[in-house]
Amino acid sequence: MFDSDNDGTLDLAETKKAASALFAKLDRDHDGTLDRRELAGRLTARELAAADPDHDGTLTLDEYLAVVEQRFNAADPDKDGTLEAKELKSRAGRALLRLLQ
């Protein structure tokens, strides 16, 4: 679904593109940030606090994409820069997918 080059894997650029599209969809009030309500359970309160360097209770697109990149890297144990189906089915992969869907 997110594999825009149809190579059977997701790279970081494809992942960030999907995350950016979801961010825009979730930002219902169009203020350029996502709050806990808009995130709708995609991050725990603890994860949100860790991803929120300015501690304003919201994530900007850059902050959101930083979390996406962290989760991408965690789901890529072989560090080849791509995620295959089996990597996306791992615990880390499922955590990443929650930020894309």
PDB file of N, CA and C in Angstrom:
ATOM      1  N   MET A   1       0.824  -1.195   0.000  1.00  0.00           N
ATOM      2  CA  MET A   1       0.000   0.000   0.000  1.00  0.00           C
ATOM      3  C   MET A   1       0.873   1.266   0.000  1.00  0.00           C
ATOM      4  N   PHE A   2       2.006   1.241   0.723  1.00  0.00           N
ATOM      5  CA  PHE A   2       2.886   2.413   0.796  1.00  0.00           C
ATOM      6  C   PHE A   2       4.082   2.286  -0.136  1.00  0.00           C
ATOM      7  N   ASP A   3       4.221   1.144  -0.781  1.00  0.00           N
ATOM      8  CA  ASP A   3       5.379   0.812  -1.616  1.00  0.00           C
ATOM      9  C   ASP A   3       5.221   1.464  -2.991  1.00  0.00           C
ATOM     10  N   SER A   4       5.572   2.739  -3.110  1.00  0.00           N
ATOM     11  CA  SER A   4       5.310   3.487  -4.338  1.00  0.00           C
ATOM     12  C   SER A   4       6.137   3.017  -5.529  1.00  0.00           C
ATOM     13  N   ASP A   5       7.295   2.399  -5.290  1.00  0.00           N
ATOM     14  CA  ASP A   5       8.084   1.901  -6.422  1.00  0.00           C
ATOM     15  C   ASP A   5       7.844   0.413  -6.700  1.00  0.00           C
ATOM     16  N   ASN A   6       6.922  -0.178  -5.946  1.00  0.00           N
ATOM     17  CA  ASN A   6       6.503  -1.571  -6.163  1.00  0.00           C
ATOM     18  C   ASN A   6       7.662  -2.569  -6.179  1.00  0.00           C
ATOM     19  N   ASP A   7       8.632  -2.365  -5.281  1.00  0.00           N
ATOM     20  CA  ASP A   7       9.754  -3.301  -5.216  1.00  0.00           C
ATOM     21  C   ASP A   7       9.595  -4.338  -4.107  1.00  0.00           C
ATOM     22  N   GLY A   8       8.458  -4.322  -3.439  1.00  0.00           N
ATOM     23  CA  GLY A   8       8.195  -5.303  -2.391  1.00  0.00           C
ATOM     24  C   GLY A   8       8.751  -4.942  -1.031  1.00  0.00           C
ATOM     25  N   THR A   9       9.347  -3.752  -0.915  1.00  0.00           N
ATOM     26  CA  THR A   9       9.882  -3.293   0.362  1.00  0.00           C
ATOM     27  C   THR A   9       9.504  -1.831   0.571  1.00  0.00           C
ATOM     28  N   LEU A  10       9.644  -1.376   1.799  1.00  0.00           N
ATOM     29  CA  LEU A  10       9.466   0.046   2.119  1.00  0.00           C
ATOM     30  C   LEU A  10      10.812   0.637   2.471  1.00  0.00           C
ATOM     31  N   ASP A  11      11.130   1.772   1.879  1.00  0.00           N
ATOM     32  CA  ASP A  11      12.327   2.487   2.302  1.00  0.00           C
ATOM     33  C   ASP A  11      11.888   3.683   3.151  1.00  0.00           C
ATOM     34  N   LEU A  12      12.857   4.389   3.684  1.00  0.00           N
ATOM     35  CA  LEU A  12      12.522   5.487   4.593  1.00  0.00           C
ATOM     36  C   LEU A  12      11.756   6.595   3.880  1.00  0.00           C
ATOM     37  N   ALA A  13      12.099   6.882   2.639  1.00  0.00           N
ATOM     38  CA  ALA A  13      11.383   7.940   1.903  1.00  0.00           C
ATOM     39  C   ALA A  13       9.913   7.580   1.716  1.00  0.00           C
ATOM     40  N   GLU A  14       9.633   6.331   1.354  1.00  0.00           N
ATOM     41  CA  GLU A  14       8.238   5.898   1.191  1.00  0.00           C
ATOM     42  C   GLU A  14       7.502   5.959   2.527  1.00  0.00           C
ATOM     43  N   THR A  15       8.198   5.585   3.576  1.00  0.00           N
ATOM     44  CA  THR A  15       7.606   5.586   4.906  1.00  0.00           C
ATOM     45  C   THR A  15       7.270   7.007   5.348  1.00  0.00           C
ATOM     46  N   LYS A  16       8.200   7.925   5.136  1.00  0.00           N
ATOM     47  CA  LYS A  16       7.956   9.318   5.523  1.00  0.00           C
ATOM     48  C   LYS A  16       6.860   9.957   4.673  1.00  0.00           C
ATOM     49  N   LYS A  17       6.775   9.568   3.404  1.00  0.00           N
ATOM     50  CA  LYS A  17       5.706  10.086   2.545  1.00  0.00           C
ATOM     51  C   LYS A  17       4.342   9.653   3.079  1.00  0.00           C
ATOM     52  N   ALA A  18       4.224   8.376   3.449  1.00  0.00           N
ATOM     53  CA  ALA A  18       2.968   7.873   4.015  1.00  0.00           C
ATOM     54  C   ALA A  18       2.657   8.550   5.344  1.00  0.00           C
ATOM     55  N   ALA A  19       3.681   8.734   6.170  1.00  0.00           N
ATOM     56  CA  ALA A  19       3.479   9.378   7.473  1.00  0.00           C
ATOM     57  C   ALA A  19       3.046  10.831   7.303  1.00  0.00           C
ATOM     58  N   SER A  20       3.616  11.522   6.347  1.00  0.00           N
ATOM     59  CA  SER A  20       3.248  12.920   6.102  1.00  0.00           C
ATOM     60  C   SER A  20       1.794  13.028   5.654  1.00  0.00           C
ATOM     61  N   ALA A  21       1.376  12.101   4.796  1.00  0.00           N
ATOM     62  CA  ALA A  21      -0.020  12.110   4.342  1.00  0.00           C
ATOM     63  C   ALA A  21      -0.970  11.847   5.501  1.00  0.00           C
ATOM     64  N   LEU A  22      -0.608  10.896   6.366  1.00  0.00           N
ATOM     65  CA  LEU A  22      -1.460  10.614   7.520  1.00  0.00           C
ATOM     66  C   LEU A  22      -1.480  11.797   8.474  1.00  0.00           C
ATOM     67  N   PHE A  23      -0.330  12.435   8.691  1.00  0.00           N
ATOM     68  CA  PHE A  23      -0.265  13.608   9.562  1.00  0.00           C
ATOM     69  C   PHE A  23      -1.272  14.652   9.097  1.00  0.00           C
ATOM     70  N   ALA A  24      -1.272  14.946   7.801  1.00  0.00           N
ATOM     71  CA  ALA A  24      -2.202  15.951   7.260  1.00  0.00           C
ATOM     72  C   ALA A  24      -3.654  15.534   7.487  1.00  0.00           C
ATOM     73  N   LYS A  25      -3.930  14.261   7.345  1.00  0.00           N
ATOM     74  CA  LYS A  25      -5.299  13.760   7.545  1.00  0.00           C
ATOM     75  C   LYS A  25      -5.710  13.858   9.021  1.00  0.00           C
ATOM     76  N   LEU A  26      -4.774  13.536   9.923  1.00  0.00           N
ATOM     77  CA  LEU A  26      -5.088  13.550  11.355  1.00  0.00           C
ATOM     78  C   LEU A  26      -5.197  14.959  11.932  1.00  0.00           C
ATOM     79  N   ASP A  27      -4.546  15.932  11.312  1.00  0.00           N
ATOM     80  CA  ASP A  27      -4.529  17.314  11.806  1.00  0.00           C
ATOM     81  C   ASP A  27      -5.858  17.990  11.464  1.00  0.00           C
ATOM     82  N   ARG A  28      -6.902  17.568  12.173  1.00  0.00           N
ATOM     83  CA  ARG A  28      -8.264  18.025  11.873  1.00  0.00           C
ATOM     84  C   ARG A  28      -8.463  19.522  12.051  1.00  0.00           C
ATOM     85  N   ASP A  29      -7.737  20.119  12.992  1.00  0.00           N
ATOM     86  CA  ASP A  29      -7.900  21.556  13.205  1.00  0.00           C
ATOM     87  C   ASP A  29      -6.919  22.382  12.368  1.00  0.00           C
ATOM     88  N   HIS A  30      -6.108  21.720  11.563  1.00  0.00           N
ATOM     89  CA  HIS A  30      -5.197  22.369  10.610  1.00  0.00           C
ATOM     90  C   HIS A  30      -4.278  23.391  11.273  1.00  0.00           C
ATOM     91  N   ASP A  31      -3.795  23.055  12.489  1.00  0.00           N
ATOM     92  CA  ASP A  31      -2.877  23.968  13.172  1.00  0.00           C
ATOM     93  C   ASP A  31      -1.419  23.557  12.997  1.00  0.00           C
ATOM     94  N   GLY A  32      -1.164  22.509  12.205  1.00  0.00           N
ATOM     95  CA  GLY A  32       0.207  22.076  11.949  1.00  0.00           C
ATOM     96  C   GLY A  32       0.802  21.208  13.033  1.00  0.00           C
ATOM     97  N   THR A  33      -0.038  20.787  13.979  1.00  0.00           N
ATOM     98  CA  THR A  33       0.425  19.906  15.053  1.00  0.00           C
ATOM     99  C   THR A  33      -0.617  18.821  15.318  1.00  0.00           C
ATOM    100  N   LEU A  34      -0.147  17.748  15.941  1.00  0.00           N
ATOM    101  CA  LEU A  34      -1.056  16.701  16.409  1.00  0.00           C
ATOM    102  C   LEU A  34      -1.000  16.652  17.922  1.00  0.00           C
ATOM    103  N   ASP A  35      -2.169  16.699  18.539  1.00  0.00           N
ATOM    104  CA  ASP A  35      -2.242  16.536  19.989  1.00  0.00           C
ATOM    105  C   ASP A  35      -2.627  15.090  20.304  1.00  0.00           C
ATOM    106  N   ARG A  36      -2.726  14.775  21.564  1.00  0.00           N
ATOM    107  CA  ARG A  36      -3.032  13.412  22.000  1.00  0.00           C
ATOM    108  C   ARG A  36      -4.322  12.896  21.379  1.00  0.00           C
ATOM    109  N   ARG A  37      -5.312  13.757  21.319  1.00  0.00           N
ATOM    110  CA  ARG A  37      -6.613  13.373  20.748  1.00  0.00           C
ATOM    111  C   ARG A  37      -6.481  13.054  19.261  1.00  0.00           C
ATOM    112  N   GLU A  38      -5.782  13.908  18.535  1.00  0.00           N
ATOM    113  CA  GLU A  38      -5.621  13.685  17.096  1.00  0.00           C
ATOM    114  C   GLU A  38      -4.767  12.449  16.798  1.00  0.00           C
ATOM    115  N   LEU A  39      -3.829  12.147  17.676  1.00  0.00           N
ATOM    116  CA  LEU A  39      -2.995  10.959  17.493  1.00  0.00           C
ATOM    117  C   LEU A  39      -3.783   9.661  17.680  1.00  0.00           C
ATOM    118  N   ALA A  40      -4.898   9.745  18.375  1.00  0.00           N
ATOM    119  CA  ALA A  40      -5.848   8.635  18.506  1.00  0.00           C
ATOM    120  C   ALA A  40      -5.182   7.307  18.878  1.00  0.00           C
ATOM    121  N   GLY A  41      -4.349   7.330  19.903  1.00  0.00           N
ATOM    122  CA  GLY A  41      -3.767   6.088  20.398  1.00  0.00           C
ATOM    123  C   GLY A  41      -2.564   5.570  19.635  1.00  0.00           C
ATOM    124  N   ARG A  42      -2.081   6.311  18.662  1.00  0.00           N
ATOM    125  CA  ARG A  42      -0.916   5.858  17.901  1.00  0.00           C
ATOM    126  C   ARG A  42       0.355   5.903  18.735  1.00  0.00           C
ATOM    127  N   LEU A  43       0.386   6.797  19.730  1.00  0.00           N
ATOM    128  CA  LEU A  43       1.502   6.894  20.670  1.00  0.00           C
ATOM    129  C   LEU A  43       0.942   6.894  22.087  1.00  0.00           C
ATOM    130  N   THR A  44       1.629   6.240  22.995  1.00  0.00           N
ATOM    131  CA  THR A  44       1.241   6.318  24.397  1.00  0.00           C
ATOM    132  C   THR A  44       1.604   7.707  24.921  1.00  0.00           C
ATOM    133  N   ALA A  45       1.102   8.050  26.084  1.00  0.00           N
ATOM    134  CA  ALA A  45       1.437   9.339  26.691  1.00  0.00           C
ATOM    135  C   ALA A  45       2.942   9.454  26.893  1.00  0.00           C
ATOM    136  N   ARG A  46       3.553   8.362  27.296  1.00  0.00           N
ATOM    137  CA  ARG A  46       5.011   8.355  27.509  1.00  0.00           C
ATOM    138  C   ARG A  46       5.769   8.554  26.187  1.00  0.00           C
ATOM    139  N   GLU A  47       5.317   7.885  25.131  1.00  0.00           N
ATOM    140  CA  GLU A  47       5.955   8.041  23.821  1.00  0.00           C
ATOM    141  C   GLU A  47       5.773   9.465  23.290  1.00  0.00           C
ATOM    142  N   LEU A  48       4.584  10.024  23.498  1.00  0.00           N
ATOM    143  CA  LEU A  48       4.339  11.399  23.073  1.00  0.00           C
ATOM    144  C   LEU A  48       5.268  12.353  23.810  1.00  0.00           C
ATOM    145  N   ALA A  49       5.406  12.188  25.111  1.00  0.00           N
ATOM    146  CA  ALA A  49       6.290  13.061  25.893  1.00  0.00           C
ATOM    147  C   ALA A  49       7.735  12.948  25.408  1.00  0.00           C
ATOM    148  N   ALA A  50       8.174  11.739  25.095  1.00  0.00           N
ATOM    149  CA  ALA A  50       9.547  11.538  24.627  1.00  0.00           C
ATOM    150  C   ALA A  50       9.770  12.144  23.241  1.00  0.00           C
ATOM    151  N   ALA A  51       8.727  12.192  22.427  1.00  0.00           N
ATOM    152  CA  ALA A  51       8.834  12.708  21.063  1.00  0.00           C
ATOM    153  C   ALA A  51       8.601  14.209  20.972  1.00  0.00           C
ATOM    154  N   ASP A  52       8.300  14.829  22.091  1.00  0.00           N
ATOM    155  CA  ASP A  52       7.892  16.238  22.150  1.00  0.00           C
ATOM    156  C   ASP A  52       8.992  17.067  22.818  1.00  0.00           C
ATOM    157  N   PRO A  53      10.046  17.447  22.076  1.00  0.00           N
ATOM    158  CA  PRO A  53      11.184  18.123  22.706  1.00  0.00           C
ATOM    159  C   PRO A  53      10.856  19.476  23.326  1.00  0.00           C
ATOM    160  N   ASP A  54       9.846  20.164  22.804  1.00  0.00           N
ATOM    161  CA  ASP A  54       9.500  21.465  23.377  1.00  0.00           C
ATOM    162  C   ASP A  54       8.431  21.355  24.465  1.00  0.00           C
ATOM    163  N   HIS A  55       7.988  20.132  24.742  1.00  0.00           N
ATOM    164  CA  HIS A  55       7.044  19.847  25.839  1.00  0.00           C
ATOM    165  C   HIS A  55       5.772  20.681  25.777  1.00  0.00           C
ATOM    166  N   ASP A  56       5.254  20.884  24.545  1.00  0.00           N
ATOM    167  CA  ASP A  56       4.011  21.636  24.415  1.00  0.00           C
ATOM    168  C   ASP A  56       2.791  20.721  24.289  1.00  0.00           C
ATOM    169  N   GLY A  57       3.007  19.413  24.379  1.00  0.00           N
ATOM    170  CA  GLY A  57       1.894  18.470  24.327  1.00  0.00           C
ATOM    171  C   GLY A  57       1.421  18.143  22.921  1.00  0.00           C
ATOM    172  N   THR A  58       2.148  18.625  21.920  1.00  0.00           N
ATOM    173  CA  THR A  58       1.795  18.349  20.530  1.00  0.00           C
ATOM    174  C   THR A  58       3.045  17.956  19.757  1.00  0.00           C
ATOM    175  N   LEU A  59       2.822  17.359  18.589  1.00  0.00           N
ATOM    176  CA  LEU A  59       3.920  17.037  17.685  1.00  0.00           C
ATOM    177  C   LEU A  59       3.747  17.801  16.386  1.00  0.00           C
ATOM    178  N   THR A  60       4.819  18.458  15.956  1.00  0.00           N
ATOM    179  CA  THR A  60       4.847  19.053  14.625  1.00  0.00           C
ATOM    180  C   THR A  60       5.125  17.931  13.627  1.00  0.00           C
ATOM    181  N   LEU A  61       5.041  18.229  12.356  1.00  0.00           N
ATOM    182  CA  LEU A  61       5.348  17.226  11.346  1.00  0.00           C
ATOM    183  C   LEU A  61       6.780  16.729  11.507  1.00  0.00           C
ATOM    184  N   ASP A  62       7.729  17.617  11.734  1.00  0.00           N
ATOM    185  CA  ASP A  62       9.126  17.196  11.904  1.00  0.00           C
ATOM    186  C   ASP A  62       9.290  16.275  13.110  1.00  0.00           C
ATOM    187  N   GLU A  63       8.617  16.597  14.205  1.00  0.00           N
ATOM    188  CA  GLU A  63       8.687  15.743  15.398  1.00  0.00           C
ATOM    189  C   GLU A  63       8.055  14.380  15.121  1.00  0.00           C
ATOM    190  N   TYR A  64       6.949  14.375  14.412  1.00  0.00           N
ATOM    191  CA  TYR A  64       6.268  13.126  14.057  1.00  0.00           C
ATOM    192  C   TYR A  64       7.162  12.275  13.161  1.00  0.00           C
ATOM    193  N   LEU A  65       7.775  12.907  12.166  1.00  0.00           N
ATOM    194  CA  LEU A  65       8.648  12.173  11.254  1.00  0.00           C
ATOM    195  C   LEU A  65       9.891  11.650  11.954  1.00  0.00           C
ATOM    196  N   ALA A  66      10.339  12.330  12.991  1.00  0.00           N
ATOM    197  CA  ALA A  66      11.479  11.823  13.769  1.00  0.00           C
ATOM    198  C   ALA A  66      11.110  10.517  14.465  1.00  0.00           C
ATOM    199  N   VAL A  67       9.891  10.443  14.995  1.00  0.00           N
ATOM    200  CA  VAL A  67       9.424   9.200  15.626  1.00  0.00           C
ATOM    201  C   VAL A  67       9.299   8.106  14.565  1.00  0.00           C
ATOM    202  N   VAL A  68       8.771   8.458  13.411  1.00  0.00           N
ATOM    203  CA  VAL A  68       8.640   7.493  12.314  1.00  0.00           C
ATOM    204  C   VAL A  68      10.019   6.947  11.948  1.00  0.00           C
ATOM    205  N   GLU A  69      11.002   7.813  11.830  1.00  0.00           N
ATOM    206  CA  GLU A  69      12.349   7.372  11.467  1.00  0.00           C
ATOM    207  C   GLU A  69      12.945   6.466  12.546  1.00  0.00           C
ATOM    208  N   GLN A  70      12.733   6.804  13.810  1.00  0.00           N
ATOM    209  CA  GLN A  70      13.209   5.941  14.901  1.00  0.00           C
ATOM    210  C   GLN A  70      12.582   4.557  14.806  1.00  0.00           C
ATOM    211  N   ARG A  71      11.288   4.527  14.570  1.00  0.00           N
ATOM    212  CA  ARG A  71      10.597   3.233  14.483  1.00  0.00           C
ATOM    213  C   ARG A  71      11.009   2.469  13.224  1.00  0.00           C
ATOM    214  N   PHE A  72      11.241   3.178  12.136  1.00  0.00           N
ATOM    215  CA  PHE A  72      11.737   2.533  10.920  1.00  0.00           C
ATOM    216  C   PHE A  72      13.066   1.849  11.217  1.00  0.00           C
ATOM    217  N   ASN A  73      13.983   2.583  11.838  1.00  0.00           N
ATOM    218  CA  ASN A  73      15.299   2.023  12.151  1.00  0.00           C
ATOM    219  C   ASN A  73      15.198   0.834  13.096  1.00  0.00           C
ATOM    220  N   ALA A  74      14.287   0.895  14.046  1.00  0.00           N
ATOM    221  CA  ALA A  74      14.097  -0.225  14.974  1.00  0.00           C
ATOM    222  C   ALA A  74      13.545  -1.456  14.252  1.00  0.00           C
ATOM    223  N   ALA A  75      12.754  -1.236  13.213  1.00  0.00           N
ATOM    224  CA  ALA A  75      12.153  -2.349  12.471  1.00  0.00           C
ATOM    225  C   ALA A  75      13.088  -2.902  11.398  1.00  0.00           C
ATOM    226  N   ASP A  76      14.255  -2.308  11.228  1.00  0.00           N
ATOM    227  CA  ASP A  76      15.215  -2.691  10.188  1.00  0.00           C
ATOM    228  C   ASP A  76      16.468  -3.291  10.829  1.00  0.00           C
ATOM    229  N   PRO A  77      16.356  -4.489  11.423  1.00  0.00           N
ATOM    230  CA  PRO A  77      17.496  -5.041  12.160  1.00  0.00           C
ATOM    231  C   PRO A  77      18.712  -5.341  11.288  1.00  0.00           C
ATOM    232  N   ASP A  78      18.508  -5.618  10.007  1.00  0.00           N
ATOM    233  CA  ASP A  78      19.653  -5.894   9.141  1.00  0.00           C
ATOM    234  C   ASP A  78      20.274  -4.611   8.568  1.00  0.00           C
ATOM    235  N   LYS A  79      19.672  -3.479   8.885  1.00  0.00           N
ATOM    236  CA  LYS A  79      20.174  -2.151   8.508  1.00  0.00           C
ATOM    237  C   LYS A  79      20.450  -2.021   7.013  1.00  0.00           C
ATOM    238  N   ASP A  80      19.565  -2.630   6.199  1.00  0.00           N
ATOM    239  CA  ASP A  80      19.731  -2.513   4.756  1.00  0.00           C
ATOM    240  C   ASP A  80      18.947  -1.342   4.170  1.00  0.00           C
ATOM    241  N   GLY A  81      18.243  -0.589   5.027  1.00  0.00           N
ATOM    242  CA  GLY A  81      17.518   0.595   4.578  1.00  0.00           C
ATOM    243  C   GLY A  81      16.160   0.318   3.977  1.00  0.00           C
ATOM    244  N   THR A  82      15.743  -0.939   4.028  1.00  0.00           N
ATOM    245  CA  THR A  82      14.414  -1.298   3.530  1.00  0.00           C
ATOM    246  C   THR A  82      13.739  -2.232   4.516  1.00  0.00           C
ATOM    247  N   LEU A  83      12.419  -2.231   4.474  1.00  0.00           N
ATOM    248  CA  LEU A  83      11.635  -3.132   5.322  1.00  0.00           C
ATOM    249  C   LEU A  83      10.862  -4.089   4.435  1.00  0.00           C
ATOM    250  N   GLU A  84      11.064  -5.359   4.674  1.00  0.00           N
ATOM    251  CA  GLU A  84      10.327  -6.406   3.977  1.00  0.00           C
ATOM    252  C   GLU A  84       9.115  -6.783   4.817  1.00  0.00           C
ATOM    253  N   ALA A  85       8.238  -7.593   4.242  1.00  0.00           N
ATOM    254  CA  ALA A  85       7.005  -7.985   4.934  1.00  0.00           C
ATOM    255  C   ALA A  85       7.301  -8.594   6.294  1.00  0.00           C
ATOM    256  N   LYS A  86       8.294  -9.468   6.397  1.00  0.00           N
ATOM    257  CA  LYS A  86       8.577 -10.113   7.689  1.00  0.00           C
ATOM    258  C   LYS A  86       9.036  -9.089   8.727  1.00  0.00           C
ATOM    259  N   GLU A  87       9.755  -8.055   8.303  1.00  0.00           N
ATOM    260  CA  GLU A  87      10.181  -7.017   9.243  1.00  0.00           C
ATOM    261  C   GLU A  87       8.986  -6.174   9.683  1.00  0.00           C
ATOM    262  N   LEU A  88       8.042  -5.952   8.785  1.00  0.00           N
ATOM    263  CA  LEU A  88       6.850  -5.187   9.142  1.00  0.00           C
ATOM    264  C   LEU A  88       5.926  -5.967  10.070  1.00  0.00           C
ATOM    265  N   LYS A  89       6.039  -7.277  10.081  1.00  0.00           N
ATOM    266  CA  LYS A  89       5.221  -8.108  10.967  1.00  0.00           C
ATOM    267  C   LYS A  89       5.820  -8.242  12.358  1.00  0.00           C
ATOM    268  N   SER A  90       7.058  -7.788  12.530  1.00  0.00           N
ATOM    269  CA  SER A  90       7.693  -7.836  13.851  1.00  0.00           C
ATOM    270  C   SER A  90       7.025  -6.820  14.774  1.00  0.00           C
ATOM    271  N   ARG A  91       7.338  -6.910  16.043  1.00  0.00           N
ATOM    272  CA  ARG A  91       6.777  -5.952  17.006  1.00  0.00           C
ATOM    273  C   ARG A  91       7.142  -4.514  16.618  1.00  0.00           C
ATOM    274  N   ALA A  92       8.412  -4.305  16.265  1.00  0.00           N
ATOM    275  CA  ALA A  92       8.860  -2.964  15.871  1.00  0.00           C
ATOM    276  C   ALA A  92       8.178  -2.524  14.570  1.00  0.00           C
ATOM    277  N   GLY A  93       7.983  -3.441  13.650  1.00  0.00           N
ATOM    278  CA  GLY A  93       7.304  -3.139  12.399  1.00  0.00           C
ATOM    279  C   GLY A  93       5.859  -2.741  12.625  1.00  0.00           C
ATOM    280  N   ARG A  94       5.192  -3.456  13.499  1.00  0.00           N
ATOM    281  CA  ARG A  94       3.787  -3.117  13.797  1.00  0.00           C
ATOM    282  C   ARG A  94       3.707  -1.742  14.475  1.00  0.00           C
ATOM    283  N   ALA A  95       4.676  -1.419  15.323  1.00  0.00           N
ATOM    284  CA  ALA A  95       4.694  -0.102  15.965  1.00  0.00           C
ATOM    285  C   ALA A  95       4.860   1.001  14.913  1.00  0.00           C
ATOM    286  N   LEU A  96       5.682   0.728  13.911  1.00  0.00           N
ATOM    287  CA  LEU A  96       5.841   1.694  12.819  1.00  0.00           C
ATOM    288  C   LEU A  96       4.535   1.824  12.041  1.00  0.00           C
ATOM    289  N   LEU A  97       3.918   0.730  11.708  1.00  0.00           N
ATOM    290  CA  LEU A  97       2.678   0.761  10.912  1.00  0.00           C
ATOM    291  C   LEU A  97       1.578   1.548  11.603  1.00  0.00           C
ATOM    292  N   ARG A  98       1.554   1.546  12.947  1.00  0.00           N
ATOM    293  CA  ARG A  98       0.550   2.345  13.668  1.00  0.00           C
ATOM    294  C   ARG A  98       0.687   3.831  13.348  1.00  0.00           C
ATOM    295  N   LEU A  99       1.888   4.272  12.974  1.00  0.00           N
ATOM    296  CA  LEU A  99       2.100   5.678  12.637  1.00  0.00           C
ATOM    297  C   LEU A  99       1.826   5.987  11.177  1.00  0.00           C
ATOM    298  N   LEU A 100       1.528   4.956  10.402  1.00  0.00           N
ATOM    299  CA  LEU A 100       1.299   5.140   8.967  1.00  0.00           C
ATOM    300  C   LEU A 100      -0.142   4.916   8.561  1.00  0.00           C
ATOM    301  N   GLN A 101      -0.916   4.259   9.415  1.00  0.00           N
ATOM    302  CA  GLN A 101      -2.292   3.882   9.042  1.00  0.00           C
ATOM    303  C   GLN A 101      -3.311   4.609   9.887  1.00  0.00           C
TER     304      GLN A 101
END
